[in-house]
Amino acid sequence: MSAHPSNKTNSAPPPPLMGHRGGGPGGMFREVEKSKNTRGTLLRLWGYLRRQTLPLAFSTVLVMITAIVGLLGPFLMGKAIDTY
């Protein structure tokens, strides 16, 4: 037995059990807030992404190659089944 009192105080509330709570009923069906200045927003976004033009182009090409290779297997399998 210890002479010191235990320091087990829970100052923070426990985290919610499942997902985000709030927004009230019908929160999913509310209208999405739109940008007031779409052109300005896109220009500002391009300003951030301009320095990343080469990596973005490279990753876009890799995504396209991955999609083509992913479709190539079932296509060739179908050709093999139909032919033989």
C-alpha atoms as a PDB file:
ATOM      1  CA  MET A   1       0.000   0.000   0.000  1.00  0.00           C
ATOM      2  CA  SER A   2       1.264   3.396  -0.940  1.00  0.00           C
ATOM      3  CA  ALA A   3       0.995   6.454   1.250  1.00  0.00           C
ATOM      4  CA  HIS A   4       0.550   8.700  -1.814  1.00  0.00           C
ATOM      5  CA  PRO A   5      -2.965   9.325  -3.080  1.00  0.00           C
ATOM      6  CA  SER A   6      -3.582   8.228  -6.653  1.00  0.00           C
ATOM      7  CA  ASN A   7      -3.586  10.961  -9.289  1.00  0.00           C
ATOM      8  CA  LYS A   8      -6.150   9.361 -11.568  1.00  0.00           C
ATOM      9  CA  THR A   9      -8.204  12.312 -12.698  1.00  0.00           C
ATOM     10  CA  ASN A  10      -9.868  12.313 -16.064  1.00  0.00           C
ATOM     11  CA  SER A  11      -9.868  15.915 -17.193  1.00  0.00           C
ATOM     12  CA  ALA A  12     -10.647  15.164 -20.843  1.00  0.00           C
ATOM     13  CA  PRO A  13     -13.974  13.651 -21.874  1.00  0.00           C
ATOM     14  CA  PRO A  14     -13.823  10.283 -23.603  1.00  0.00           C
ATOM     15  CA  PRO A  15     -13.706  10.387 -27.420  1.00  0.00           C
ATOM     16  CA  PRO A  16     -16.901   9.648 -29.354  1.00  0.00           C
ATOM     17  CA  LEU A  17     -17.409   6.003 -30.166  1.00  0.00           C
ATOM     18  CA  MET A  18     -18.290   6.296 -33.845  1.00  0.00           C
ATOM     19  CA  GLY A  19     -17.467   8.995 -36.387  1.00  0.00           C
ATOM     20  CA  HIS A  20     -18.310  12.685 -36.470  1.00  0.00           C
ATOM     21  CA  ARG A  21     -21.369  13.690 -34.517  1.00  0.00           C
ATOM     22  CA  GLY A  22     -23.161  16.904 -35.109  1.00  0.00           C
ATOM     23  CA  GLY A  23     -24.833  18.872 -37.824  1.00  0.00           C
ATOM     24  CA  GLY A  24     -28.304  17.851 -36.724  1.00  0.00           C
ATOM     25  CA  PRO A  25     -30.872  15.922 -38.722  1.00  0.00           C
ATOM     26  CA  GLY A  26     -30.490  16.202 -42.462  1.00  0.00           C
ATOM     27  CA  GLY A  27     -26.932  17.471 -42.190  1.00  0.00           C
ATOM     28  CA  MET A  28     -25.876  15.344 -45.138  1.00  0.00           C
ATOM     29  CA  PHE A  29     -28.496  16.875 -47.416  1.00  0.00           C
ATOM     30  CA  ARG A  30     -27.588  20.514 -46.915  1.00  0.00           C
ATOM     31  CA  GLU A  31     -26.539  22.533 -49.917  1.00  0.00           C
ATOM     32  CA  VAL A  32     -22.779  22.695 -50.408  1.00  0.00           C
ATOM     33  CA  GLU A  33     -21.245  26.106 -49.834  1.00  0.00           C
ATOM     34  CA  LYS A  34     -19.840  27.472 -53.086  1.00  0.00           C
ATOM     35  CA  SER A  35     -16.894  29.763 -53.616  1.00  0.00           C
ATOM     36  CA  LYS A  36     -17.779  33.428 -53.983  1.00  0.00           C
ATOM     37  CA  ASN A  37     -14.867  34.064 -56.333  1.00  0.00           C
ATOM     38  CA  THR A  38     -14.256  30.893 -58.332  1.00  0.00           C
ATOM     39  CA  ARG A  39     -11.688  32.417 -60.678  1.00  0.00           C
ATOM     40  CA  GLY A  40      -9.703  33.927 -57.818  1.00  0.00           C
ATOM     41  CA  THR A  41      -9.815  30.660 -55.905  1.00  0.00           C
ATOM     42  CA  LEU A  42      -8.545  28.693 -58.910  1.00  0.00           C
ATOM     43  CA  LEU A  43      -5.774  31.220 -59.550  1.00  0.00           C
ATOM     44  CA  ARG A  44      -4.688  31.045 -55.923  1.00  0.00           C
ATOM     45  CA  LEU A  45      -4.746  27.235 -56.054  1.00  0.00           C
ATOM     46  CA  TRP A  46      -2.683  27.278 -59.258  1.00  0.00           C
ATOM     47  CA  GLY A  47      -0.201  29.561 -57.497  1.00  0.00           C
ATOM     48  CA  TYR A  48       0.324  26.846 -54.892  1.00  0.00           C
ATOM     49  CA  LEU A  49       0.525  24.037 -57.457  1.00  0.00           C
ATOM     50  CA  ARG A  50       2.674  25.824 -60.053  1.00  0.00           C
ATOM     51  CA  ARG A  51       5.875  24.763 -58.315  1.00  0.00           C
ATOM     52  CA  GLN A  52       4.704  21.148 -58.480  1.00  0.00           C
ATOM     53  CA  THR A  53       3.904  21.025 -62.217  1.00  0.00           C
ATOM     54  CA  LEU A  54       6.449  18.341 -63.115  1.00  0.00           C
ATOM     55  CA  PRO A  55       5.602  15.976 -60.217  1.00  0.00           C
ATOM     56  CA  LEU A  56       1.867  16.421 -60.902  1.00  0.00           C
ATOM     57  CA  ALA A  57       2.322  15.636 -64.605  1.00  0.00           C
ATOM     58  CA  PHE A  58       4.515  12.640 -63.774  1.00  0.00           C
ATOM     59  CA  SER A  59       2.008  11.252 -61.279  1.00  0.00           C
ATOM     60  CA  THR A  60      -0.851  11.783 -63.755  1.00  0.00           C
ATOM     61  CA  VAL A  61       1.036   9.778 -66.393  1.00  0.00           C
ATOM     62  CA  LEU A  62       1.741   7.025 -63.849  1.00  0.00           C
ATOM     63  CA  VAL A  63      -1.944   6.858 -62.887  1.00  0.00           C
ATOM     64  CA  MET A  64      -2.902   6.527 -66.560  1.00  0.00           C
ATOM     65  CA  ILE A  65      -0.304   3.776 -67.114  1.00  0.00           C
ATOM     66  CA  THR A  66      -1.565   1.935 -64.023  1.00  0.00           C
ATOM     67  CA  ALA A  67      -5.157   2.127 -65.281  1.00  0.00           C
ATOM     68  CA  ILE A  68      -4.168   0.805 -68.713  1.00  0.00           C
ATOM     69  CA  VAL A  69      -2.138  -2.063 -67.240  1.00  0.00           C
ATOM     70  CA  GLY A  70      -5.030  -2.876 -64.893  1.00  0.00           C
ATOM     71  CA  LEU A  71      -7.422  -3.131 -67.849  1.00  0.00           C
ATOM     72  CA  LEU A  72      -4.975  -5.043 -70.022  1.00  0.00           C
ATOM     73  CA  GLY A  73      -5.174  -8.272 -67.970  1.00  0.00           C
ATOM     74  CA  PRO A  74      -8.951  -8.787 -68.236  1.00  0.00           C
ATOM     75  CA  PHE A  75      -8.876  -7.740 -71.907  1.00  0.00           C
ATOM     76  CA  LEU A  76      -6.226 -10.328 -72.764  1.00  0.00           C
ATOM     77  CA  MET A  77      -8.037 -12.951 -70.680  1.00  0.00           C
ATOM     78  CA  GLY A  78     -11.222 -12.299 -72.650  1.00  0.00           C
ATOM     79  CA  LYS A  79      -9.348 -12.565 -75.952  1.00  0.00           C
ATOM     80  CA  ALA A  80      -7.766 -15.851 -74.849  1.00  0.00           C
ATOM     81  CA  ILE A  81     -11.123 -17.309 -73.785  1.00  0.00           C
ATOM     82  CA  ASP A  82     -12.863 -16.203 -76.989  1.00  0.00           C
ATOM     83  CA  THR A  83     -10.076 -17.437 -79.273  1.00  0.00           C
ATOM     84  CA  TYR A  84      -9.213 -20.804 -77.695  1.00  0.00           C
END
